[in-house]
Amino acid sequence: MSNSTRYLNASLDSESESESDDTVAPIDPVRAANVAFWTLLRERLMVNCDSIGVEHLDELAMTIIDDPSIDAQLEGVVLLLPAPSMQRPGTASPYGPSAAATRSNLRPH
């Protein structure tokens, strides 16, 4: 279990505990469903161990789940990469100049 999954589970657990150890507050089923959805989505987004910034996505998701009225924003860089089995060698962009054209533009005329 990843640290972020533990964080999400702890978030649900803390919701079920109240100030007193004698009473247990009911878990909000909508919140539990949202956390479960985020947990599944997160697992699929993080299929590449070189992806970074998932903790920022966790914070954003949990902020929105906890209070959708908050103007939540990412607080750091996130880079999601496809599964290694889905990656292919890079190719030149059909929308940009070729490397050869760029090099020739750098030479003085």
PDB file of N, CA and C in Angstrom:
ATOM      1  N   MET A   1       0.851  -1.177   0.000  1.00  0.00           N
ATOM      2  CA  MET A   1       0.000   0.000   0.000  1.00  0.00           C
ATOM      3  C   MET A   1       0.894   1.237   0.000  1.00  0.00           C
ATOM      4  N   SER A   2       0.628   2.151  -0.913  1.00  0.00           N
ATOM      5  CA  SER A   2       1.450   3.356  -1.023  1.00  0.00           C
ATOM      6  C   SER A   2       1.144   4.324   0.116  1.00  0.00           C
ATOM      7  N   ASN A   3       2.055   5.283   0.308  1.00  0.00           N
ATOM      8  CA  ASN A   3       1.851   6.294   1.353  1.00  0.00           C
ATOM      9  C   ASN A   3       0.589   7.105   1.105  1.00  0.00           C
ATOM     10  N   SER A   4       0.331   7.433  -0.166  1.00  0.00           N
ATOM     11  CA  SER A   4      -0.847   8.246  -0.468  1.00  0.00           C
ATOM     12  C   SER A   4      -2.130   7.466  -0.244  1.00  0.00           C
ATOM     13  N   THR A   5      -2.118   6.158  -0.550  1.00  0.00           N
ATOM     14  CA  THR A   5      -3.295   5.341  -0.285  1.00  0.00           C
ATOM     15  C   THR A   5      -3.530   5.263   1.215  1.00  0.00           C
ATOM     16  N   ARG A   6      -2.446   5.157   1.986  1.00  0.00           N
ATOM     17  CA  ARG A   6      -2.581   5.175   3.442  1.00  0.00           C
ATOM     18  C   ARG A   6      -3.178   6.507   3.900  1.00  0.00           C
ATOM     19  N   TYR A   7      -2.740   7.605   3.265  1.00  0.00           N
ATOM     20  CA  TYR A   7      -3.266   8.937   3.592  1.00  0.00           C
ATOM     21  C   TYR A   7      -4.771   8.989   3.336  1.00  0.00           C
ATOM     22  N   LEU A   8      -5.200   8.459   2.184  1.00  0.00           N
ATOM     23  CA  LEU A   8      -6.616   8.479   1.847  1.00  0.00           C
ATOM     24  C   LEU A   8      -7.417   7.618   2.818  1.00  0.00           C
ATOM     25  N   ASN A   9      -6.895   6.438   3.143  1.00  0.00           N
ATOM     26  CA  ASN A   9      -7.582   5.573   4.102  1.00  0.00           C
ATOM     27  C   ASN A   9      -7.632   6.217   5.480  1.00  0.00           C
ATOM     28  N   ALA A  10      -6.550   6.863   5.881  1.00  0.00           N
ATOM     29  CA  ALA A  10      -6.525   7.545   7.179  1.00  0.00           C
ATOM     30  C   ALA A  10      -7.542   8.676   7.202  1.00  0.00           C
ATOM     31  N   SER A  11      -7.727   9.327   6.063  1.00  0.00           N
ATOM     32  CA  SER A  11      -8.709  10.401   5.985  1.00  0.00           C
ATOM     33  C   SER A  11     -10.109   9.861   6.246  1.00  0.00           C
ATOM     34  N   LEU A  12     -10.410   8.704   5.680  1.00  0.00           N
ATOM     35  CA  LEU A  12     -11.709   8.086   5.936  1.00  0.00           C
ATOM     36  C   LEU A  12     -11.825   7.632   7.385  1.00  0.00           C
ATOM     37  N   ASP A  13     -10.748   7.041   7.906  1.00  0.00           N
ATOM     38  CA  ASP A  13     -10.763   6.568   9.291  1.00  0.00           C
ATOM     39  C   ASP A  13     -10.968   7.718  10.264  1.00  0.00           C
ATOM     40  N   SER A  14     -10.299   8.847  10.012  1.00  0.00           N
ATOM     41  CA  SER A  14     -10.420   9.979  10.933  1.00  0.00           C
ATOM     42  C   SER A  14     -11.831  10.544  10.921  1.00  0.00           C
ATOM     43  N   GLU A  15     -12.516  10.406   9.794  1.00  0.00           N
ATOM     44  CA  GLU A  15     -13.894  10.887   9.723  1.00  0.00           C
ATOM     45  C   GLU A  15     -14.802  10.058  10.623  1.00  0.00           C
ATOM     46  N   SER A  16     -14.486   8.774  10.778  1.00  0.00           N
ATOM     47  CA  SER A  16     -15.352   7.906  11.566  1.00  0.00           C
ATOM     48  C   SER A  16     -15.106   8.042  13.063  1.00  0.00           C
ATOM     49  N   GLU A  17     -14.008   8.685  13.448  1.00  0.00           N
ATOM     50  CA  GLU A  17     -13.707   8.868  14.863  1.00  0.00           C
ATOM     51  C   GLU A  17     -14.138  10.266  15.302  1.00  0.00           C
ATOM     52  N   SER A  18     -14.677  10.362  16.486  1.00  0.00           N
ATOM     53  CA  SER A  18     -15.061  11.679  16.993  1.00  0.00           C
ATOM     54  C   SER A  18     -14.107  12.080  18.099  1.00  0.00           C
ATOM     55  N   GLU A  19     -14.398  13.203  18.743  1.00  0.00           N
ATOM     56  CA  GLU A  19     -13.550  13.705  19.821  1.00  0.00           C
ATOM     57  C   GLU A  19     -13.426  12.686  20.945  1.00  0.00           C
ATOM     58  N   SER A  20     -14.494  11.990  21.230  1.00  0.00           N
ATOM     59  CA  SER A  20     -14.498  11.014  22.317  1.00  0.00           C
ATOM     60  C   SER A  20     -14.269   9.620  21.757  1.00  0.00           C
ATOM     61  N   ASP A  21     -13.502   8.813  22.458  1.00  0.00           N
ATOM     62  CA  ASP A  21     -13.259   7.442  22.028  1.00  0.00           C
ATOM     63  C   ASP A  21     -14.504   6.578  22.176  1.00  0.00           C
ATOM     64  N   ASP A  22     -15.493   7.036  22.954  1.00  0.00           N
ATOM     65  CA  ASP A  22     -16.681   6.240  23.227  1.00  0.00           C
ATOM     66  C   ASP A  22     -17.697   6.279  22.091  1.00  0.00           C
ATOM     67  N   THR A  23     -17.665   7.317  21.262  1.00  0.00           N
ATOM     68  CA  THR A  23     -18.654   7.436  20.197  1.00  0.00           C
ATOM     69  C   THR A  23     -17.967   7.411  18.845  1.00  0.00           C
ATOM     70  N   VAL A  24     -18.669   6.852  17.889  1.00  0.00           N
ATOM     71  CA  VAL A  24     -18.148   6.798  16.522  1.00  0.00           C
ATOM     72  C   VAL A  24     -19.152   7.489  15.616  1.00  0.00           C
ATOM     73  N   ALA A  25     -18.685   8.472  14.885  1.00  0.00           N
ATOM     74  CA  ALA A  25     -19.554   9.198  13.959  1.00  0.00           C
ATOM     75  C   ALA A  25     -19.752   8.347  12.707  1.00  0.00           C
ATOM     76  N   PRO A  26     -20.921   8.411  12.104  1.00  0.00           N
ATOM     77  CA  PRO A  26     -21.141   7.637  10.877  1.00  0.00           C
ATOM     78  C   PRO A  26     -20.305   8.195   9.728  1.00  0.00           C
ATOM     79  N   ILE A  27     -19.887   7.309   8.850  1.00  0.00           N
ATOM     80  CA  ILE A  27     -19.115   7.718   7.676  1.00  0.00           C
ATOM     81  C   ILE A  27     -20.087   8.233   6.619  1.00  0.00           C
ATOM     82  N   ASP A  28     -19.775   9.367   6.038  1.00  0.00           N
ATOM     83  CA  ASP A  28     -20.582   9.946   4.965  1.00  0.00           C
ATOM     84  C   ASP A  28     -20.417   9.065   3.727  1.00  0.00           C
ATOM     85  N   PRO A  29     -21.494   8.439   3.235  1.00  0.00           N
ATOM     86  CA  PRO A  29     -21.359   7.526   2.096  1.00  0.00           C
ATOM     87  C   PRO A  29     -20.928   8.227   0.804  1.00  0.00           C
ATOM     88  N   VAL A  30     -21.322   9.476   0.615  1.00  0.00           N
ATOM     89  CA  VAL A  30     -20.903  10.209  -0.591  1.00  0.00           C
ATOM     90  C   VAL A  30     -19.402  10.467  -0.543  1.00  0.00           C
ATOM     91  N   ARG A  31     -18.918  10.898   0.606  1.00  0.00           N
ATOM     92  CA  ARG A  31     -17.479  11.151   0.754  1.00  0.00           C
ATOM     93  C   ARG A  31     -16.692   9.855   0.584  1.00  0.00           C
ATOM     94  N   ALA A  32     -17.189   8.780   1.181  1.00  0.00           N
ATOM     95  CA  ALA A  32     -16.512   7.487   1.060  1.00  0.00           C
ATOM     96  C   ALA A  32     -16.453   7.048  -0.402  1.00  0.00           C
ATOM     97  N   ALA A  33     -17.537   7.259  -1.150  1.00  0.00           N
ATOM     98  CA  ALA A  33     -17.552   6.898  -2.571  1.00  0.00           C
ATOM     99  C   ALA A  33     -16.572   7.761  -3.358  1.00  0.00           C
ATOM    100  N   ASN A  34     -16.506   9.056  -3.035  1.00  0.00           N
ATOM    101  CA  ASN A  34     -15.561   9.943  -3.724  1.00  0.00           C
ATOM    102  C   ASN A  34     -14.118   9.552  -3.441  1.00  0.00           C
ATOM    103  N   VAL A  35     -13.821   9.202  -2.194  1.00  0.00           N
ATOM    104  CA  VAL A  35     -12.462   8.778  -1.845  1.00  0.00           C
ATOM    105  C   VAL A  35     -12.143   7.461  -2.541  1.00  0.00           C
ATOM    106  N   ALA A  36     -13.103   6.540  -2.585  1.00  0.00           N
ATOM    107  CA  ALA A  36     -12.882   5.264  -3.269  1.00  0.00           C
ATOM    108  C   ALA A  36     -12.623   5.497  -4.758  1.00  0.00           C
ATOM    109  N   PHE A  37     -13.405   6.395  -5.370  1.00  0.00           N
ATOM    110  CA  PHE A  37     -13.188   6.714  -6.786  1.00  0.00           C
ATOM    111  C   PHE A  37     -11.794   7.299  -6.999  1.00  0.00           C
ATOM    112  N   TRP A  38     -11.411   8.266  -6.164  1.00  0.00           N
ATOM    113  CA  TRP A  38     -10.092   8.884  -6.313  1.00  0.00           C
ATOM    114  C   TRP A  38      -8.991   7.837  -6.146  1.00  0.00           C
ATOM    115  N   THR A  39      -9.162   6.916  -5.211  1.00  0.00           N
ATOM    116  CA  THR A  39      -8.155   5.884  -4.986  1.00  0.00           C
ATOM    117  C   THR A  39      -7.983   5.022  -6.236  1.00  0.00           C
ATOM    118  N   LEU A  40      -9.086   4.633  -6.869  1.00  0.00           N
ATOM    119  CA  LEU A  40      -9.006   3.830  -8.097  1.00  0.00           C
ATOM    120  C   LEU A  40      -8.395   4.628  -9.247  1.00  0.00           C
ATOM    121  N   LEU A  41      -8.827   5.868  -9.407  1.00  0.00           N
ATOM    122  CA  LEU A  41      -8.286   6.714 -10.473  1.00  0.00           C
ATOM    123  C   LEU A  41      -6.797   6.935 -10.277  1.00  0.00           C
ATOM    124  N   ARG A  42      -6.403   7.185  -9.044  1.00  0.00           N
ATOM    125  CA  ARG A  42      -5.003   7.440  -8.713  1.00  0.00           C
ATOM    126  C   ARG A  42      -4.123   6.247  -9.081  1.00  0.00           C
ATOM    127  N   GLU A  43      -4.606   5.040  -8.785  1.00  0.00           N
ATOM    128  CA  GLU A  43      -3.847   3.835  -9.123  1.00  0.00           C
ATOM    129  C   GLU A  43      -3.605   3.749 -10.626  1.00  0.00           C
ATOM    130  N   ARG A  44      -4.588   4.145 -11.411  1.00  0.00           N
ATOM    131  CA  ARG A  44      -4.441   4.079 -12.868  1.00  0.00           C
ATOM    132  C   ARG A  44      -3.574   5.209 -13.417  1.00  0.00           C
ATOM    133  N   LEU A  45      -3.584   6.347 -12.734  1.00  0.00           N
ATOM    134  CA  LEU A  45      -2.727   7.455 -13.157  1.00  0.00           C
ATOM    135  C   LEU A  45      -1.258   7.193 -12.838  1.00  0.00           C
ATOM    136  N   MET A  46      -0.997   6.459 -11.783  1.00  0.00           N
ATOM    137  CA  MET A  46       0.375   6.259 -11.315  1.00  0.00           C
ATOM    138  C   MET A  46       0.940   4.907 -11.742  1.00  0.00           C
ATOM    139  N   VAL A  47       0.741   4.537 -13.006  1.00  0.00           N
ATOM    140  CA  VAL A  47       1.234   3.249 -13.498  1.00  0.00           C
ATOM    141  C   VAL A  47       2.720   3.290 -13.819  1.00  0.00           C
ATOM    142  N   ASN A  48       3.307   4.462 -13.800  1.00  0.00           N
ATOM    143  CA  ASN A  48       4.731   4.598 -14.096  1.00  0.00           C
ATOM    144  C   ASN A  48       5.414   5.184 -12.866  1.00  0.00           C
ATOM    145  N   CYS A  49       6.413   4.472 -12.353  1.00  0.00           N
ATOM    146  CA  CYS A  49       7.076   4.921 -11.118  1.00  0.00           C
ATOM    147  C   CYS A  49       7.865   6.214 -11.322  1.00  0.00           C
ATOM    148  N   ASP A  50       8.066   6.639 -12.563  1.00  0.00           N
ATOM    149  CA  ASP A  50       8.763   7.899 -12.814  1.00  0.00           C
ATOM    150  C   ASP A  50       7.822   9.103 -12.832  1.00  0.00           C
ATOM    151  N   SER A  51       6.517   8.866 -12.716  1.00  0.00           N
ATOM    152  CA  SER A  51       5.572   9.979 -12.583  1.00  0.00           C
ATOM    153  C   SER A  51       5.841  10.676 -11.255  1.00  0.00           C
ATOM    154  N   ILE A  52       5.607  11.977 -11.222  1.00  0.00           N
ATOM    155  CA  ILE A  52       5.884  12.738  -9.997  1.00  0.00           C
ATOM    156  C   ILE A  52       4.697  13.625  -9.642  1.00  0.00           C
ATOM    157  N   GLY A  53       4.633  14.005  -8.384  1.00  0.00           N
ATOM    158  CA  GLY A  53       3.664  14.989  -7.932  1.00  0.00           C
ATOM    159  C   GLY A  53       2.324  14.436  -7.491  1.00  0.00           C
ATOM    160  N   VAL A  54       2.235  13.120  -7.320  1.00  0.00           N
ATOM    161  CA  VAL A  54       0.943  12.552  -6.932  1.00  0.00           C
ATOM    162  C   VAL A  54       0.463  13.107  -5.600  1.00  0.00           C
ATOM    163  N   GLU A  55       1.387  13.491  -4.732  1.00  0.00           N
ATOM    164  CA  GLU A  55       0.961  14.048  -3.444  1.00  0.00           C
ATOM    165  C   GLU A  55       0.190  15.350  -3.641  1.00  0.00           C
ATOM    166  N   HIS A  56       0.528  16.100  -4.702  1.00  0.00           N
ATOM    167  CA  HIS A  56      -0.205  17.335  -4.996  1.00  0.00           C
ATOM    168  C   HIS A  56      -1.623  17.006  -5.486  1.00  0.00           C
ATOM    169  N   LEU A  57      -1.732  15.950  -6.288  1.00  0.00           N
ATOM    170  CA  LEU A  57      -3.054  15.519  -6.734  1.00  0.00           C
ATOM    171  C   LEU A  57      -3.886  15.013  -5.562  1.00  0.00           C
ATOM    172  N   ASP A  58      -3.243  14.277  -4.636  1.00  0.00           N
ATOM    173  CA  ASP A  58      -3.950  13.798  -3.443  1.00  0.00           C
ATOM    174  C   ASP A  58      -4.511  14.965  -2.640  1.00  0.00           C
ATOM    175  N   GLU A  59      -3.680  15.971  -2.417  1.00  0.00           N
ATOM    176  CA  GLU A  59      -4.123  17.140  -1.646  1.00  0.00           C
ATOM    177  C   GLU A  59      -5.282  17.847  -2.344  1.00  0.00           C
ATOM    178  N   LEU A  60      -5.173  18.016  -3.664  1.00  0.00           N
ATOM    179  CA  LEU A  60      -6.226  18.675  -4.425  1.00  0.00           C
ATOM    180  C   LEU A  60      -7.518  17.866  -4.366  1.00  0.00           C
ATOM    181  N   ALA A  61      -7.410  16.568  -4.608  1.00  0.00           N
ATOM    182  CA  ALA A  61      -8.601  15.713  -4.590  1.00  0.00           C
ATOM    183  C   ALA A  61      -9.276  15.734  -3.228  1.00  0.00           C
ATOM    184  N   MET A  62      -8.494  15.595  -2.166  1.00  0.00           N
ATOM    185  CA  MET A  62      -9.086  15.554  -0.828  1.00  0.00           C
ATOM    186  C   MET A  62      -9.675  16.907  -0.429  1.00  0.00           C
ATOM    187  N   THR A  63      -9.060  17.992  -0.870  1.00  0.00           N
ATOM    188  CA  THR A  63      -9.619  19.316  -0.587  1.00  0.00           C
ATOM    189  C   THR A  63     -10.976  19.468  -1.258  1.00  0.00           C
ATOM    190  N   ILE A  64     -11.070  19.042  -2.514  1.00  0.00           N
ATOM    191  CA  ILE A  64     -12.337  19.135  -3.246  1.00  0.00           C
ATOM    192  C   ILE A  64     -13.376  18.198  -2.644  1.00  0.00           C
ATOM    193  N   ILE A  65     -12.955  16.983  -2.277  1.00  0.00           N
ATOM    194  CA  ILE A  65     -13.887  16.033  -1.661  1.00  0.00           C
ATOM    195  C   ILE A  65     -14.405  16.582  -0.333  1.00  0.00           C
ATOM    196  N   ASP A  66     -13.509  17.159   0.456  1.00  0.00           N
ATOM    197  CA  ASP A  66     -13.905  17.682   1.770  1.00  0.00           C
ATOM    198  C   ASP A  66     -14.793  18.918   1.673  1.00  0.00           C
ATOM    199  N   ASP A  67     -14.517  19.801   0.707  1.00  0.00           N
ATOM    200  CA  ASP A  67     -15.307  21.030   0.580  1.00  0.00           C
ATOM    201  C   ASP A  67     -15.234  21.533  -0.860  1.00  0.00           C
ATOM    202  N   PRO A  68     -16.206  21.140  -1.696  1.00  0.00           N
ATOM    203  CA  PRO A  68     -16.192  21.535  -3.107  1.00  0.00           C
ATOM    204  C   PRO A  68     -16.263  23.044  -3.340  1.00  0.00           C
ATOM    205  N   SER A  69     -16.657  23.811  -2.341  1.00  0.00           N
ATOM    206  CA  SER A  69     -16.776  25.259  -2.526  1.00  0.00           C
ATOM    207  C   SER A  69     -15.428  25.970  -2.448  1.00  0.00           C
ATOM    208  N   ILE A  70     -14.399  25.280  -1.970  1.00  0.00           N
ATOM    209  CA  ILE A  70     -13.067  25.880  -1.872  1.00  0.00           C
ATOM    210  C   ILE A  70     -12.455  25.983  -3.264  1.00  0.00           C
ATOM    211  N   ASP A  71     -11.819  27.101  -3.550  1.00  0.00           N
ATOM    212  CA  ASP A  71     -11.138  27.300  -4.831  1.00  0.00           C
ATOM    213  C   ASP A  71      -9.780  26.603  -4.766  1.00  0.00           C
ATOM    214  N   ALA A  72      -9.797  25.284  -4.847  1.00  0.00           N
ATOM    215  CA  ALA A  72      -8.575  24.488  -4.714  1.00  0.00           C
ATOM    216  C   ALA A  72      -7.771  24.518  -6.011  1.00  0.00           C
ATOM    217  N   GLN A  73      -6.456  24.541  -5.859  1.00  0.00           N
ATOM    218  CA  GLN A  73      -5.549  24.539  -7.005  1.00  0.00           C
ATOM    219  C   GLN A  73      -4.370  23.634  -6.704  1.00  0.00           C
ATOM    220  N   LEU A  74      -3.729  23.163  -7.765  1.00  0.00           N
ATOM    221  CA  LEU A  74      -2.505  22.383  -7.583  1.00  0.00           C
ATOM    222  C   LEU A  74      -1.453  23.260  -6.936  1.00  0.00           C
ATOM    223  N   GLU A  75      -0.705  22.685  -6.015  1.00  0.00           N
ATOM    224  CA  GLU A  75       0.330  23.449  -5.322  1.00  0.00           C
ATOM    225  C   GLU A  75       1.725  22.965  -5.673  1.00  0.00           C
ATOM    226  N   GLY A  76       1.852  22.260  -6.770  1.00  0.00           N
ATOM    227  CA  GLY A  76       3.161  21.786  -7.185  1.00  0.00           C
ATOM    228  C   GLY A  76       3.083  21.156  -8.566  1.00  0.00           C
ATOM    229  N   VAL A  77       4.229  20.747  -9.045  1.00  0.00           N
ATOM    230  CA  VAL A  77       4.352  20.157 -10.375  1.00  0.00           C
ATOM    231  C   VAL A  77       3.851  18.718 -10.354  1.00  0.00           C
ATOM    232  N   VAL A  78       3.098  18.358 -11.392  1.00  0.00           N
ATOM    233  CA  VAL A  78       2.626  16.988 -11.568  1.00  0.00           C
ATOM    234  C   VAL A  78       3.035  16.549 -12.966  1.00  0.00           C
ATOM    235  N   LEU A  79       3.657  15.389 -13.051  1.00  0.00           N
ATOM    236  CA  LEU A  79       4.033  14.810 -14.340  1.00  0.00           C
ATOM    237  C   LEU A  79       3.569  13.367 -14.335  1.00  0.00           C
ATOM    238  N   LEU A  80       2.574  13.073 -15.169  1.00  0.00           N
ATOM    239  CA  LEU A  80       2.050  11.718 -15.273  1.00  0.00           C
ATOM    240  C   LEU A  80       2.552  11.099 -16.566  1.00  0.00           C
ATOM    241  N   LEU A  81       3.128   9.922 -16.446  1.00  0.00           N
ATOM    242  CA  LEU A  81       3.665   9.213 -17.600  1.00  0.00           C
ATOM    243  C   LEU A  81       2.855   7.947 -17.840  1.00  0.00           C
ATOM    244  N   PRO A  82       2.752   7.524 -19.099  1.00  0.00           N
ATOM    245  CA  PRO A  82       2.025   6.282 -19.372  1.00  0.00           C
ATOM    246  C   PRO A  82       2.800   5.077 -18.848  1.00  0.00           C
ATOM    247  N   ALA A  83       2.114   3.958 -18.795  1.00  0.00           N
ATOM    248  CA  ALA A  83       2.769   2.718 -18.380  1.00  0.00           C
ATOM    249  C   ALA A  83       3.966   2.470 -19.294  1.00  0.00           C
ATOM    250  N   PRO A  84       5.058   1.963 -18.750  1.00  0.00           N
ATOM    251  CA  PRO A  84       6.236   1.708 -19.591  1.00  0.00           C
ATOM    252  C   PRO A  84       5.913   0.862 -20.822  1.00  0.00           C
ATOM    253  N   SER A  85       4.981  -0.067 -20.705  1.00  0.00           N
ATOM    254  CA  SER A  85       4.622  -0.917 -21.852  1.00  0.00           C
ATOM    255  C   SER A  85       3.928  -0.127 -22.961  1.00  0.00           C
ATOM    256  N   MET A  86       3.397   1.044 -22.636  1.00  0.00           N
ATOM    257  CA  MET A  86       2.697   1.869 -23.625  1.00  0.00           C
ATOM    258  C   MET A  86       3.585   2.951 -24.235  1.00  0.00           C
ATOM    259  N   GLN A  87       4.792   3.115 -23.722  1.00  0.00           N
ATOM    260  CA  GLN A  87       5.670   4.174 -24.221  1.00  0.00           C
ATOM    261  C   GLN A  87       6.306   3.753 -25.540  1.00  0.00           C
ATOM    262  N   ARG A  88       6.534   4.744 -26.394  1.00  0.00           N
ATOM    263  CA  ARG A  88       7.157   4.522 -27.693  1.00  0.00           C
ATOM    264  C   ARG A  88       8.297   5.506 -27.860  1.00  0.00           C
ATOM    265  N   PRO A  89       9.231   5.180 -28.750  1.00  0.00           N
ATOM    266  CA  PRO A  89      10.308   6.147 -29.017  1.00  0.00           C
ATOM    267  C   PRO A  89       9.713   7.458 -29.527  1.00  0.00           C
ATOM    268  N   GLY A  90      10.352   8.554 -29.181  1.00  0.00           N
ATOM    269  CA  GLY A  90       9.875   9.864 -29.597  1.00  0.00           C
ATOM    270  C   GLY A  90      10.002  10.079 -31.091  1.00  0.00           C
ATOM    271  N   THR A  91       9.156  10.931 -31.613  1.00  0.00           N
ATOM    272  CA  THR A  91       9.214  11.322 -33.018  1.00  0.00           C
ATOM    273  C   THR A  91       9.100  12.840 -33.078  1.00  0.00           C
ATOM    274  N   ALA A  92       9.521  13.397 -34.184  1.00  0.00           N
ATOM    275  CA  ALA A  92       9.439  14.845 -34.364  1.00  0.00           C
ATOM    276  C   ALA A  92       7.976  15.260 -34.450  1.00  0.00           C
ATOM    277  N   SER A  93       7.676  16.396 -33.911  1.00  0.00           N
ATOM    278  CA  SER A  93       6.318  16.918 -33.949  1.00  0.00           C
ATOM    279  C   SER A  93       5.969  17.337 -35.374  1.00  0.00           C
ATOM    280  N   PRO A  94       4.794  16.963 -35.858  1.00  0.00           N
ATOM    281  CA  PRO A  94       4.391  17.407 -37.193  1.00  0.00           C
ATOM    282  C   PRO A  94       4.032  18.891 -37.219  1.00  0.00           C
ATOM    283  N   TYR A  95       3.935  19.511 -36.051  1.00  0.00           N
ATOM    284  CA  TYR A  95       3.516  20.904 -35.968  1.00  0.00           C
ATOM    285  C   TYR A  95       4.666  21.883 -35.793  1.00  0.00           C
ATOM    286  N   GLY A  96       5.839  21.381 -35.500  1.00  0.00           N
ATOM    287  CA  GLY A  96       6.969  22.266 -35.265  1.00  0.00           C
ATOM    288  C   GLY A  96       8.024  22.099 -36.339  1.00  0.00           C
ATOM    289  N   PRO A  97       9.034  22.979 -36.334  1.00  0.00           N
ATOM    290  CA  PRO A  97      10.103  22.872 -37.325  1.00  0.00           C
ATOM    291  C   PRO A  97      10.962  21.646 -37.041  1.00  0.00           C
ATOM    292  N   SER A  98      11.554  21.123 -38.089  1.00  0.00           N
ATOM    293  CA  SER A  98      12.440  19.973 -37.909  1.00  0.00           C
ATOM    294  C   SER A  98      13.725  20.434 -37.239  1.00  0.00           C
ATOM    295  N   ALA A  99      14.460  19.501 -36.682  1.00  0.00           N
ATOM    296  CA  ALA A  99      15.727  19.832 -36.025  1.00  0.00           C
ATOM    297  C   ALA A  99      16.701  20.437 -37.025  1.00  0.00           C
ATOM    298  N   ALA A 100      16.724  19.928 -38.249  1.00  0.00           N
ATOM    299  CA  ALA A 100      17.636  20.455 -39.270  1.00  0.00           C
ATOM    300  C   ALA A 100      17.283  21.899 -39.615  1.00  0.00           C
ATOM    301  N   ALA A 101      16.006  22.192 -39.744  1.00  0.00           N
ATOM    302  CA  ALA A 101      15.587  23.560 -40.064  1.00  0.00           C
ATOM    303  C   ALA A 101      15.939  24.505 -38.928  1.00  0.00           C
ATOM    304  N   THR A 102      15.802  24.052 -37.722  1.00  0.00           N
ATOM    305  CA  THR A 102      16.124  24.889 -36.569  1.00  0.00           C
ATOM    306  C   THR A 102      17.612  25.178 -36.524  1.00  0.00           C
ATOM    307  N   ARG A 103      18.436  24.172 -36.783  1.00  0.00           N
ATOM    308  CA  ARG A 103      19.891  24.379 -36.776  1.00  0.00           C
ATOM    309  C   ARG A 103      20.311  25.349 -37.874  1.00  0.00           C
ATOM    310  N   SER A 104      19.709  25.261 -39.054  1.00  0.00           N
ATOM    311  CA  SER A 104      20.108  26.154 -40.144  1.00  0.00           C
ATOM    312  C   SER A 104      19.698  27.593 -39.848  1.00  0.00           C
ATOM    313  N   ASN A 105      18.651  27.794 -39.081  1.00  0.00           N
ATOM    314  CA  ASN A 105      18.224  29.149 -38.728  1.00  0.00           C
ATOM    315  C   ASN A 105      19.168  29.798 -37.727  1.00  0.00           C
ATOM    316  N   LEU A 106      19.971  29.004 -37.035  1.00  0.00           N
ATOM    317  CA  LEU A 106      20.879  29.547 -36.037  1.00  0.00           C
ATOM    318  C   LEU A 106      22.167  30.083 -36.659  1.00  0.00           C
ATOM    319  N   ARG A 107      22.482  29.639 -37.881  1.00  0.00           N
ATOM    320  CA  ARG A 107      23.713  30.101 -38.520  1.00  0.00           C
ATOM    321  C   ARG A 107      23.536  31.511 -39.070  1.00  0.00           C
ATOM    322  N   PRO A 108      24.573  32.359 -38.928  1.00  0.00           N
ATOM    323  CA  PRO A 108      24.483  33.702 -39.519  1.00  0.00           C
ATOM    324  C   PRO A 108      24.455  33.613 -41.037  1.00  0.00           C
ATOM    325  N   HIS A 109      23.784  34.515 -41.682  1.00  0.00           N
ATOM    326  CA  HIS A 109      23.679  34.527 -43.152  1.00  0.00           C
ATOM    327  C   HIS A 109      24.774  35.322 -43.764  1.00  0.00           C
TER     328      HIS A 109
END
